[in-house]
């Protein structure tokens, strides 16, 4: 049985799905290696990750589980924010280069 406090979104499972799954001894995130299926499965990992981790490990209590997953959550969220920022900067850079090209058409 999974406690209600354990359920919820897990940024670590969403961003680092394969490594998070191996680290938490739950191997369903390895399905993220399947092309096209992984687009949906990363969201499933984010939503169900805490439940899978709780079921596959022997945590003495919810507090210790939350401490472990808090590290994964912080790392996942920071990585997600950095990735989104990098994509936005890339798009701005690309748009600036295109805008600076002379019009030949």
N, C-alpha and C. Protein backbone atom coordinates (compact mmCIF):
# COMPACT_ATOMS: atom_id res chain seq x y z
N UNK A 1 0.84 -1.19 0.00
CA UNK A 1 0.00 0.00 0.00
C UNK A 1 0.88 1.25 0.00
N UNK A 2 0.54 2.19 -0.84
CA UNK A 2 1.31 3.42 -0.97
C UNK A 2 0.65 4.52 -0.14
N UNK A 3 1.38 5.13 0.79
CA UNK A 3 0.80 6.23 1.58
C UNK A 3 0.46 7.43 0.70
N UNK A 4 -0.53 8.18 1.11
CA UNK A 4 -0.97 9.34 0.34
C UNK A 4 0.12 10.40 0.25
N UNK A 5 0.98 10.50 1.28
CA UNK A 5 2.05 11.51 1.27
C UNK A 5 3.09 11.24 0.20
N UNK A 6 3.18 10.01 -0.24
CA UNK A 6 4.19 9.62 -1.22
C UNK A 6 3.76 10.01 -2.64
N UNK A 7 2.49 9.98 -2.90
CA UNK A 7 2.00 10.25 -4.25
C UNK A 7 2.25 11.69 -4.65
N UNK A 8 2.49 11.89 -5.94
CA UNK A 8 2.71 13.23 -6.45
C UNK A 8 3.75 13.25 -7.55
N UNK A 9 3.95 14.42 -8.11
CA UNK A 9 4.87 14.61 -9.22
C UNK A 9 6.31 14.49 -8.74
N UNK A 10 7.15 13.86 -9.56
CA UNK A 10 8.56 13.72 -9.24
C UNK A 10 9.39 14.21 -10.42
N UNK A 11 10.04 15.36 -10.24
CA UNK A 11 10.85 15.93 -11.32
C UNK A 11 12.04 15.05 -11.66
N UNK A 12 12.58 14.37 -10.68
CA UNK A 12 13.70 13.47 -10.95
C UNK A 12 13.31 12.34 -11.86
N UNK A 13 12.14 11.76 -11.61
CA UNK A 13 11.66 10.67 -12.46
C UNK A 13 11.30 11.18 -13.85
N UNK A 14 10.86 12.41 -13.95
CA UNK A 14 10.50 12.98 -15.24
C UNK A 14 11.73 13.29 -16.09
N UNK A 15 12.71 13.95 -15.49
CA UNK A 15 13.88 14.41 -16.25
C UNK A 15 14.94 13.32 -16.39
N UNK A 16 15.24 12.65 -15.30
CA UNK A 16 16.30 11.63 -15.31
C UNK A 16 15.70 10.23 -15.29
N UNK A 17 14.64 10.02 -16.04
CA UNK A 17 13.83 8.81 -15.93
C UNK A 17 14.62 7.51 -15.90
N UNK A 18 15.52 7.29 -16.81
CA UNK A 18 16.25 6.02 -16.86
C UNK A 18 17.17 5.89 -15.66
N UNK A 19 17.95 6.93 -15.38
CA UNK A 19 18.89 6.89 -14.25
C UNK A 19 18.15 6.86 -12.92
N UNK A 20 17.06 7.59 -12.85
CA UNK A 20 16.24 7.58 -11.63
C UNK A 20 15.69 6.18 -11.38
N UNK A 21 15.22 5.53 -12.44
CA UNK A 21 14.67 4.19 -12.30
C UNK A 21 15.71 3.19 -11.82
N UNK A 22 16.90 3.25 -12.38
CA UNK A 22 17.96 2.34 -11.95
C UNK A 22 18.35 2.64 -10.51
N UNK A 23 18.47 3.91 -10.17
CA UNK A 23 18.84 4.29 -8.81
C UNK A 23 17.81 3.93 -7.76
N UNK A 24 16.56 3.85 -8.17
CA UNK A 24 15.48 3.52 -7.23
C UNK A 24 14.98 2.09 -7.38
N UNK A 25 15.71 1.30 -8.12
CA UNK A 25 15.40 -0.13 -8.31
C UNK A 25 14.01 -0.36 -8.87
N UNK A 26 13.58 0.52 -9.72
CA UNK A 26 12.32 0.33 -10.43
C UNK A 26 12.64 0.47 -11.92
N UNK A 27 12.28 -0.51 -12.69
CA UNK A 27 12.79 -0.58 -14.05
C UNK A 27 11.77 -0.25 -15.12
N UNK A 28 10.58 0.15 -14.74
CA UNK A 28 9.60 0.61 -15.73
C UNK A 28 10.08 1.85 -16.49
N UNK A 29 10.84 2.76 -15.87
CA UNK A 29 11.34 3.90 -16.64
C UNK A 29 12.26 3.53 -17.80
N UNK A 30 12.76 2.30 -17.82
CA UNK A 30 13.58 1.88 -18.96
C UNK A 30 12.77 1.84 -20.25
N UNK A 31 11.45 1.84 -20.13
CA UNK A 31 10.61 1.91 -21.33
C UNK A 31 10.78 3.25 -22.05
N UNK A 32 11.42 4.20 -21.41
CA UNK A 32 11.71 5.48 -22.07
C UNK A 32 12.72 5.31 -23.20
N UNK A 33 13.34 4.16 -23.29
CA UNK A 33 14.26 3.88 -24.38
C UNK A 33 13.54 3.52 -25.68
N UNK A 34 12.24 3.28 -25.60
CA UNK A 34 11.45 2.93 -26.78
C UNK A 34 11.08 4.22 -27.52
N UNK A 35 11.52 4.36 -28.77
CA UNK A 35 11.22 5.58 -29.52
C UNK A 35 9.72 5.83 -29.66
N UNK A 36 9.35 7.08 -29.66
CA UNK A 36 7.98 7.59 -29.75
C UNK A 36 7.15 7.28 -28.51
N UNK A 37 7.26 6.08 -27.98
CA UNK A 37 6.56 5.72 -26.75
C UNK A 37 7.08 6.57 -25.59
N UNK A 38 8.36 6.93 -25.66
CA UNK A 38 8.99 7.68 -24.57
C UNK A 38 8.39 9.07 -24.39
N UNK A 39 7.80 9.62 -25.43
CA UNK A 39 7.20 10.96 -25.32
C UNK A 39 6.08 10.95 -24.29
N UNK A 40 5.31 9.89 -24.26
CA UNK A 40 4.23 9.75 -23.28
C UNK A 40 4.77 9.21 -21.96
N UNK A 41 5.70 8.27 -22.05
CA UNK A 41 6.15 7.56 -20.86
C UNK A 41 6.91 8.45 -19.88
N UNK A 42 7.58 9.50 -20.35
CA UNK A 42 8.27 10.37 -19.40
C UNK A 42 7.27 11.05 -18.46
N UNK A 43 6.08 11.36 -18.97
CA UNK A 43 5.06 11.96 -18.12
C UNK A 43 4.49 10.94 -17.14
N UNK A 44 4.36 9.70 -17.58
CA UNK A 44 3.92 8.64 -16.68
C UNK A 44 4.95 8.46 -15.56
N UNK A 45 6.22 8.50 -15.92
CA UNK A 45 7.28 8.39 -14.91
C UNK A 45 7.19 9.54 -13.90
N UNK A 46 6.93 10.73 -14.37
CA UNK A 46 6.80 11.87 -13.47
C UNK A 46 5.63 11.71 -12.51
N UNK A 47 4.51 11.21 -13.01
CA UNK A 47 3.32 11.06 -12.17
C UNK A 47 3.38 9.84 -11.25
N UNK A 48 3.89 8.73 -11.75
CA UNK A 48 3.86 7.48 -10.98
C UNK A 48 5.18 7.13 -10.33
N UNK A 49 6.21 7.92 -10.56
CA UNK A 49 7.55 7.59 -10.08
C UNK A 49 7.65 7.38 -8.59
N UNK A 50 7.05 8.26 -7.81
CA UNK A 50 7.11 8.12 -6.35
C UNK A 50 6.48 6.81 -5.89
N UNK A 51 5.38 6.45 -6.49
CA UNK A 51 4.72 5.20 -6.11
C UNK A 51 5.59 4.00 -6.45
N UNK A 52 6.20 4.01 -7.62
CA UNK A 52 7.08 2.90 -8.01
C UNK A 52 8.27 2.80 -7.07
N UNK A 53 8.85 3.95 -6.74
CA UNK A 53 10.02 3.95 -5.86
C UNK A 53 9.65 3.45 -4.46
N UNK A 54 8.50 3.84 -3.97
CA UNK A 54 8.06 3.39 -2.65
C UNK A 54 7.87 1.88 -2.62
N UNK A 55 7.26 1.35 -3.67
CA UNK A 55 6.99 -0.09 -3.72
C UNK A 55 8.25 -0.92 -3.91
N UNK A 56 9.25 -0.39 -4.58
CA UNK A 56 10.42 -1.20 -4.91
C UNK A 56 11.56 -1.08 -3.89
N UNK A 57 11.45 -0.19 -2.93
CA UNK A 57 12.50 -0.02 -1.93
C UNK A 57 11.95 -0.26 -0.53
N UNK A 58 12.85 -0.46 0.40
CA UNK A 58 12.47 -0.67 1.79
C UNK A 58 12.81 0.57 2.60
N UNK A 59 11.95 1.55 2.52
CA UNK A 59 12.16 2.76 3.31
C UNK A 59 11.54 2.55 4.68
N UNK A 60 12.24 2.98 5.75
CA UNK A 60 11.69 2.78 7.09
C UNK A 60 10.45 3.63 7.36
N UNK A 61 10.41 4.81 6.75
CA UNK A 61 9.25 5.69 6.95
C UNK A 61 9.13 6.66 5.79
N UNK A 62 8.04 7.40 5.79
CA UNK A 62 7.77 8.35 4.70
C UNK A 62 8.79 9.49 4.71
N UNK A 63 9.23 9.90 5.88
CA UNK A 63 10.18 11.02 5.97
C UNK A 63 11.50 10.68 5.27
N UNK A 64 12.00 9.48 5.47
CA UNK A 64 13.26 9.11 4.81
C UNK A 64 13.06 9.00 3.30
N UNK A 65 11.91 8.50 2.89
CA UNK A 65 11.60 8.44 1.45
C UNK A 65 11.59 9.84 0.86
N UNK A 66 10.92 10.76 1.54
CA UNK A 66 10.83 12.13 1.04
C UNK A 66 12.19 12.81 0.99
N UNK A 67 13.08 12.50 1.93
CA UNK A 67 14.43 13.07 1.90
C UNK A 67 15.18 12.61 0.66
N UNK A 68 15.09 11.32 0.36
CA UNK A 68 15.78 10.78 -0.81
C UNK A 68 15.21 11.38 -2.09
N UNK A 69 13.90 11.42 -2.19
CA UNK A 69 13.27 11.92 -3.41
C UNK A 69 13.39 13.43 -3.54
N UNK A 70 13.56 14.14 -2.44
CA UNK A 70 13.75 15.59 -2.51
C UNK A 70 15.03 15.93 -3.29
N UNK A 71 16.06 15.11 -3.11
CA UNK A 71 17.30 15.32 -3.86
C UNK A 71 17.06 15.13 -5.35
N UNK A 72 16.36 14.06 -5.70
CA UNK A 72 16.03 13.81 -7.11
C UNK A 72 15.15 14.94 -7.66
N UNK A 73 14.19 15.39 -6.85
CA UNK A 73 13.30 16.47 -7.31
C UNK A 73 14.07 17.76 -7.59
N UNK A 74 14.96 18.13 -6.68
CA UNK A 74 15.75 19.35 -6.89
C UNK A 74 16.60 19.24 -8.14
N UNK A 75 17.30 18.12 -8.28
CA UNK A 75 18.17 17.94 -9.45
C UNK A 75 17.35 17.94 -10.74
N UNK A 76 16.21 17.29 -10.73
CA UNK A 76 15.37 17.24 -11.92
C UNK A 76 14.81 18.60 -12.29
N UNK A 77 14.35 19.34 -11.28
CA UNK A 77 13.78 20.66 -11.56
C UNK A 77 14.85 21.63 -12.07
N UNK A 78 16.01 21.62 -11.45
CA UNK A 78 17.10 22.50 -11.91
C UNK A 78 17.50 22.14 -13.33
N UNK A 79 17.62 20.86 -13.60
CA UNK A 79 17.99 20.42 -14.95
C UNK A 79 16.92 20.83 -15.97
N UNK A 80 15.67 20.70 -15.60
CA UNK A 80 14.58 21.09 -16.50
C UNK A 80 14.63 22.58 -16.79
N UNK A 81 14.82 23.40 -15.76
CA UNK A 81 14.87 24.85 -15.95
C UNK A 81 16.07 25.25 -16.81
N UNK A 82 17.22 24.65 -16.55
CA UNK A 82 18.41 24.96 -17.34
C UNK A 82 18.20 24.55 -18.80
N UNK A 83 17.58 23.41 -19.02
CA UNK A 83 17.32 22.95 -20.39
C UNK A 83 16.38 23.88 -21.13
N UNK A 84 15.31 24.29 -20.47
CA UNK A 84 14.36 25.21 -21.11
C UNK A 84 15.04 26.55 -21.40
N UNK A 85 15.84 27.04 -20.46
CA UNK A 85 16.55 28.30 -20.67
C UNK A 85 17.53 28.18 -21.84
N UNK A 86 18.22 27.06 -21.94
CA UNK A 86 19.16 26.86 -23.05
C UNK A 86 18.44 26.82 -24.39
N UNK A 87 17.29 26.19 -24.43
CA UNK A 87 16.51 26.13 -25.68
C UNK A 87 16.04 27.53 -26.07
N UNK A 88 15.57 28.29 -25.10
CA UNK A 88 15.10 29.65 -25.38
C UNK A 88 16.26 30.52 -25.88
N UNK A 89 17.41 30.43 -25.23
CA UNK A 89 18.58 31.20 -25.68
C UNK A 89 19.01 30.79 -27.09
N UNK A 90 18.96 29.51 -27.37
CA UNK A 90 19.30 29.03 -28.70
C UNK A 90 18.34 29.61 -29.74
N UNK A 91 17.06 29.60 -29.45
CA UNK A 91 16.08 30.14 -30.39
C UNK A 91 16.27 31.64 -30.60
N UNK A 92 16.58 32.36 -29.54
CA UNK A 92 16.84 33.80 -29.66
C UNK A 92 18.08 34.04 -30.51
N UNK A 93 19.13 33.27 -30.26
CA UNK A 93 20.36 33.38 -31.04
C UNK A 93 20.11 33.08 -32.51
N UNK A 94 19.37 32.02 -32.79
CA UNK A 94 19.05 31.64 -34.16
C UNK A 94 18.21 32.71 -34.84
N UNK A 95 17.24 33.26 -34.13
CA UNK A 95 16.41 34.32 -34.69
C UNK A 95 17.24 35.57 -34.97
N UNK A 96 18.19 35.89 -34.10
CA UNK A 96 19.05 37.06 -34.31
C UNK A 96 19.92 36.87 -35.54
N UNK A 97 20.42 35.68 -35.73
CA UNK A 97 21.25 35.42 -36.92
C UNK A 97 20.40 35.53 -38.19
N UNK A 98 19.21 34.97 -38.16
CA UNK A 98 18.33 35.07 -39.33
C UNK A 98 17.94 36.52 -39.61
N UNK A 99 17.72 37.29 -38.57
CA UNK A 99 17.34 38.69 -38.75
C UNK A 99 18.49 39.52 -39.31
N UNK A 100 19.71 39.11 -39.05
CA UNK A 100 20.86 39.89 -39.51
C UNK A 100 21.27 39.56 -40.95
N UNK A 101 20.72 38.50 -41.51
CA UNK A 101 21.04 38.15 -42.89
C UNK A 101 20.42 39.15 -43.85
N UNK A 102 21.12 39.48 -44.91
CA UNK A 102 20.54 40.42 -45.88
C UNK A 102 19.40 39.75 -46.65
N UNK A 103 18.49 40.57 -47.09
CA UNK A 103 17.35 40.06 -47.86
C UNK A 103 17.74 39.93 -49.32
N UNK A 104 17.72 38.72 -49.82
CA UNK A 104 18.03 38.48 -51.22
C UNK A 104 16.78 38.10 -52.01
N UNK A 105 15.69 38.00 -51.36
CA UNK A 105 14.48 37.53 -52.05
C UNK A 105 13.47 38.62 -52.19
